[in-house]
Amino acid sequence: MSEILVTGATGSVGRQVVARLLATDTDVRALARDPETAGLPEEVTVLSGDLSEPDTLERASPPTREGGPSRSAPRRSFAAPTSPLQP
């Protein structure tokens, strides 16, 4: 089973992405500024984070088989950012 991180999951487009992923037997993780008020389905693992704080993305990334954050994001996660990240 795939495990995917969705950023912007509490927005209108992000909620649609989450719903479609759940329909495909995917473990969905969502990044939210306030997990307590995210209002996402029970099946979603909601993690605290903010796109303006890049370290939160690494902590929220699906773990690798070795147990650490994924270093292969294009194969293991999907991001639907609502704003661009600064390099």
N, C-alpha and C. Protein backbone atom coordinates (compact mmCIF):
# COMPACT_ATOMS: atom_id res chain seq x y z
N MET A 1 0.84 -1.18 0.00
CA MET A 1 0.00 0.00 0.00
C MET A 1 0.89 1.24 0.00
N SER A 2 0.54 2.22 -0.81
CA SER A 2 1.30 3.47 -0.88
C SER A 2 0.95 4.36 0.30
N GLU A 3 1.90 5.21 0.64
CA GLU A 3 1.69 6.19 1.69
C GLU A 3 2.04 7.55 1.09
N ILE A 4 1.08 8.49 1.14
CA ILE A 4 1.26 9.76 0.47
C ILE A 4 0.98 10.92 1.42
N LEU A 5 1.84 11.94 1.35
CA LEU A 5 1.66 13.16 2.13
C LEU A 5 1.00 14.22 1.25
N VAL A 6 -0.09 14.79 1.72
CA VAL A 6 -0.79 15.85 0.99
C VAL A 6 -0.65 17.14 1.78
N THR A 7 -0.06 18.14 1.14
CA THR A 7 -0.03 19.47 1.76
C THR A 7 -1.22 20.25 1.23
N GLY A 8 -1.70 21.19 1.99
CA GLY A 8 -2.88 21.94 1.57
C GLY A 8 -4.14 21.09 1.64
N ALA A 9 -4.12 20.04 2.45
CA ALA A 9 -5.22 19.08 2.52
C ALA A 9 -6.50 19.66 3.10
N THR A 10 -6.42 20.77 3.81
CA THR A 10 -7.62 21.35 4.40
C THR A 10 -8.31 22.35 3.48
N GLY A 11 -7.70 22.64 2.34
CA GLY A 11 -8.31 23.55 1.37
C GLY A 11 -9.29 22.81 0.47
N SER A 12 -9.97 23.55 -0.38
CA SER A 12 -11.00 22.92 -1.22
C SER A 12 -10.41 21.91 -2.20
N VAL A 13 -9.29 22.22 -2.84
CA VAL A 13 -8.66 21.27 -3.76
C VAL A 13 -8.02 20.13 -2.97
N GLY A 14 -7.33 20.45 -1.87
CA GLY A 14 -6.68 19.44 -1.05
C GLY A 14 -7.66 18.40 -0.53
N ARG A 15 -8.84 18.83 -0.13
CA ARG A 15 -9.86 17.87 0.35
C ARG A 15 -10.27 16.91 -0.75
N GLN A 16 -10.36 17.41 -1.98
CA GLN A 16 -10.71 16.54 -3.11
C GLN A 16 -9.58 15.54 -3.38
N VAL A 17 -8.34 16.00 -3.27
CA VAL A 17 -7.19 15.10 -3.46
C VAL A 17 -7.23 14.01 -2.41
N VAL A 18 -7.46 14.38 -1.16
CA VAL A 18 -7.53 13.40 -0.06
C VAL A 18 -8.63 12.38 -0.33
N ALA A 19 -9.80 12.83 -0.72
CA ALA A 19 -10.93 11.92 -0.98
C ALA A 19 -10.60 10.93 -2.09
N ARG A 20 -9.97 11.40 -3.14
CA ARG A 20 -9.61 10.50 -4.26
C ARG A 20 -8.54 9.49 -3.86
N LEU A 21 -7.57 9.94 -3.06
CA LEU A 21 -6.53 9.02 -2.62
C LEU A 21 -7.10 7.95 -1.70
N LEU A 22 -8.00 8.33 -0.80
CA LEU A 22 -8.61 7.35 0.09
C LEU A 22 -9.38 6.29 -0.69
N ALA A 23 -9.94 6.67 -1.83
CA ALA A 23 -10.68 5.73 -2.67
C ALA A 23 -9.77 4.75 -3.40
N THR A 24 -8.45 4.99 -3.36
CA THR A 24 -7.51 4.12 -4.06
C THR A 24 -6.69 3.24 -3.11
N ASP A 25 -7.17 3.05 -1.90
CA ASP A 25 -6.49 2.20 -0.93
C ASP A 25 -5.07 2.71 -0.64
N THR A 26 -4.97 4.00 -0.42
CA THR A 26 -3.69 4.65 -0.12
C THR A 26 -3.72 5.16 1.31
N ASP A 27 -2.61 4.99 2.03
CA ASP A 27 -2.49 5.60 3.36
C ASP A 27 -2.21 7.08 3.13
N VAL A 28 -3.09 7.93 3.63
CA VAL A 28 -2.97 9.37 3.42
C VAL A 28 -2.51 10.06 4.69
N ARG A 29 -1.46 10.87 4.53
CA ARG A 29 -0.97 11.74 5.60
C ARG A 29 -1.22 13.16 5.13
N ALA A 30 -1.65 14.01 6.04
CA ALA A 30 -1.96 15.40 5.68
C ALA A 30 -1.20 16.35 6.59
N LEU A 31 -0.69 17.40 6.01
CA LEU A 31 0.02 18.43 6.75
C LEU A 31 -0.99 19.55 7.02
N ALA A 32 -1.14 19.92 8.29
CA ALA A 32 -2.07 20.98 8.66
C ALA A 32 -1.46 21.84 9.76
N ARG A 33 -1.72 23.13 9.69
CA ARG A 33 -1.20 24.02 10.74
C ARG A 33 -1.77 23.64 12.10
N ASP A 34 -3.05 23.27 12.12
CA ASP A 34 -3.70 22.88 13.38
C ASP A 34 -4.47 21.58 13.17
N PRO A 35 -3.84 20.45 13.47
CA PRO A 35 -4.48 19.15 13.25
C PRO A 35 -5.83 18.99 13.98
N GLU A 36 -5.98 19.66 15.10
CA GLU A 36 -7.23 19.54 15.88
C GLU A 36 -8.44 20.10 15.12
N THR A 37 -8.22 21.07 14.26
CA THR A 37 -9.34 21.68 13.54
C THR A 37 -9.34 21.36 12.04
N ALA A 38 -8.53 20.39 11.63
CA ALA A 38 -8.41 20.06 10.20
C ALA A 38 -9.71 19.53 9.60
N GLY A 39 -10.48 18.79 10.37
CA GLY A 39 -11.75 18.28 9.87
C GLY A 39 -11.63 17.30 8.72
N LEU A 40 -10.56 16.50 8.72
CA LEU A 40 -10.36 15.51 7.66
C LEU A 40 -10.91 14.16 8.11
N PRO A 41 -11.15 13.25 7.15
CA PRO A 41 -11.67 11.93 7.51
C PRO A 41 -10.77 11.20 8.52
N GLU A 42 -11.39 10.35 9.31
CA GLU A 42 -10.69 9.59 10.35
C GLU A 42 -9.52 8.78 9.82
N GLU A 43 -9.62 8.31 8.58
CA GLU A 43 -8.58 7.46 7.99
C GLU A 43 -7.29 8.22 7.69
N VAL A 44 -7.34 9.55 7.72
CA VAL A 44 -6.18 10.38 7.39
C VAL A 44 -5.35 10.63 8.64
N THR A 45 -4.04 10.44 8.53
CA THR A 45 -3.12 10.80 9.61
C THR A 45 -2.79 12.27 9.43
N VAL A 46 -3.26 13.10 10.35
CA VAL A 46 -3.04 14.54 10.24
C VAL A 46 -1.85 14.93 11.11
N LEU A 47 -0.87 15.57 10.47
CA LEU A 47 0.36 15.96 11.14
C LEU A 47 0.46 17.48 11.19
N SER A 48 1.03 17.99 12.25
CA SER A 48 1.21 19.42 12.41
C SER A 48 2.38 19.90 11.56
N GLY A 49 2.16 20.96 10.79
CA GLY A 49 3.23 21.50 9.97
C GLY A 49 2.77 22.72 9.20
N ASP A 50 3.73 23.39 8.59
CA ASP A 50 3.46 24.61 7.85
C ASP A 50 4.46 24.71 6.70
N LEU A 51 3.99 25.01 5.50
CA LEU A 51 4.88 25.10 4.34
C LEU A 51 5.92 26.20 4.49
N SER A 52 5.66 27.18 5.34
CA SER A 52 6.64 28.24 5.53
C SER A 52 7.78 27.79 6.45
N GLU A 53 7.66 26.59 7.01
CA GLU A 53 8.70 26.00 7.85
C GLU A 53 9.13 24.67 7.23
N PRO A 54 10.10 24.69 6.30
CA PRO A 54 10.48 23.49 5.54
C PRO A 54 10.82 22.26 6.40
N ASP A 55 11.33 22.45 7.60
CA ASP A 55 11.65 21.30 8.45
C ASP A 55 10.42 20.46 8.76
N THR A 56 9.24 21.08 8.80
CA THR A 56 8.03 20.31 9.09
C THR A 56 7.70 19.35 7.96
N LEU A 57 8.10 19.68 6.73
CA LEU A 57 7.86 18.76 5.61
C LEU A 57 8.68 17.50 5.76
N GLU A 58 9.93 17.64 6.16
CA GLU A 58 10.78 16.46 6.34
C GLU A 58 10.24 15.57 7.44
N ARG A 59 9.81 16.16 8.54
CA ARG A 59 9.27 15.37 9.65
C ARG A 59 7.98 14.66 9.26
N ALA A 60 7.20 15.28 8.38
CA ALA A 60 5.91 14.72 7.99
C ALA A 60 5.99 13.72 6.84
N SER A 61 7.12 13.69 6.14
CA SER A 61 7.26 12.78 4.99
C SER A 61 7.11 11.33 5.42
N PRO A 62 6.50 10.51 4.56
CA PRO A 62 6.36 9.10 4.89
C PRO A 62 7.74 8.48 5.17
N PRO A 63 7.82 7.60 6.17
CA PRO A 63 9.10 6.98 6.48
C PRO A 63 9.55 6.01 5.39
N THR A 64 10.85 5.83 5.31
CA THR A 64 11.40 4.83 4.40
C THR A 64 11.37 3.49 5.11
N ARG A 65 11.77 2.46 4.42
CA ARG A 65 11.84 1.14 5.07
C ARG A 65 12.82 1.13 6.22
N GLU A 66 13.81 2.02 6.15
CA GLU A 66 14.81 2.10 7.22
C GLU A 66 14.28 2.87 8.41
N GLY A 67 13.10 3.49 8.29
CA GLY A 67 12.49 4.19 9.40
C GLY A 67 12.68 5.69 9.42
N GLY A 68 13.49 6.24 8.52
CA GLY A 68 13.70 7.69 8.49
C GLY A 68 12.80 8.35 7.46
N PRO A 69 12.84 9.69 7.37
CA PRO A 69 12.02 10.37 6.36
C PRO A 69 12.41 9.94 4.96
N SER A 70 11.44 9.95 4.08
CA SER A 70 11.67 9.55 2.70
C SER A 70 12.58 10.55 2.00
N ARG A 71 13.57 10.04 1.26
CA ARG A 71 14.44 10.90 0.46
C ARG A 71 14.04 10.81 -1.01
N SER A 72 13.03 10.00 -1.32
CA SER A 72 12.61 9.84 -2.70
C SER A 72 11.19 10.38 -2.87
N ALA A 73 10.98 11.62 -2.51
CA ALA A 73 9.65 12.22 -2.50
C ALA A 73 8.86 12.04 -3.80
N PRO A 74 9.47 12.17 -4.99
CA PRO A 74 8.65 12.03 -6.19
C PRO A 74 7.99 10.66 -6.32
N ARG A 75 8.61 9.61 -5.79
CA ARG A 75 8.02 8.28 -5.90
C ARG A 75 7.11 7.97 -4.72
N ARG A 76 7.28 8.65 -3.61
CA ARG A 76 6.59 8.27 -2.39
C ARG A 76 5.57 9.25 -1.88
N SER A 77 5.52 10.47 -2.40
CA SER A 77 4.59 11.43 -1.84
C SER A 77 4.03 12.35 -2.91
N PHE A 78 2.93 12.95 -2.60
CA PHE A 78 2.29 13.90 -3.47
C PHE A 78 2.10 15.18 -2.69
N ALA A 79 2.48 16.29 -3.24
CA ALA A 79 2.28 17.56 -2.57
C ALA A 79 1.39 18.45 -3.41
N ALA A 80 0.42 19.05 -2.78
CA ALA A 80 -0.46 20.01 -3.44
C ALA A 80 -0.29 21.35 -2.74
N PRO A 81 0.90 21.97 -2.90
CA PRO A 81 1.15 23.21 -2.15
C PRO A 81 0.21 24.33 -2.55
N THR A 82 -0.13 25.15 -1.57
CA THR A 82 -1.00 26.29 -1.83
C THR A 82 -0.19 27.55 -2.04
N SER A 83 1.10 27.51 -1.75
CA SER A 83 1.97 28.66 -1.98
C SER A 83 3.37 28.13 -2.28
N PRO A 84 4.15 28.87 -3.09
CA PRO A 84 5.50 28.38 -3.43
C PRO A 84 6.44 28.45 -2.25
N LEU A 85 7.37 27.53 -2.20
CA LEU A 85 8.41 27.54 -1.18
C LEU A 85 9.57 28.37 -1.67
N GLN A 86 10.19 29.08 -0.79
CA GLN A 86 11.39 29.85 -1.13
C GLN A 86 12.61 28.95 -0.98
N PRO A 87 13.55 29.00 -1.94
CA PRO A 87 14.75 28.15 -1.83
C PRO A 87 15.64 28.58 -0.67
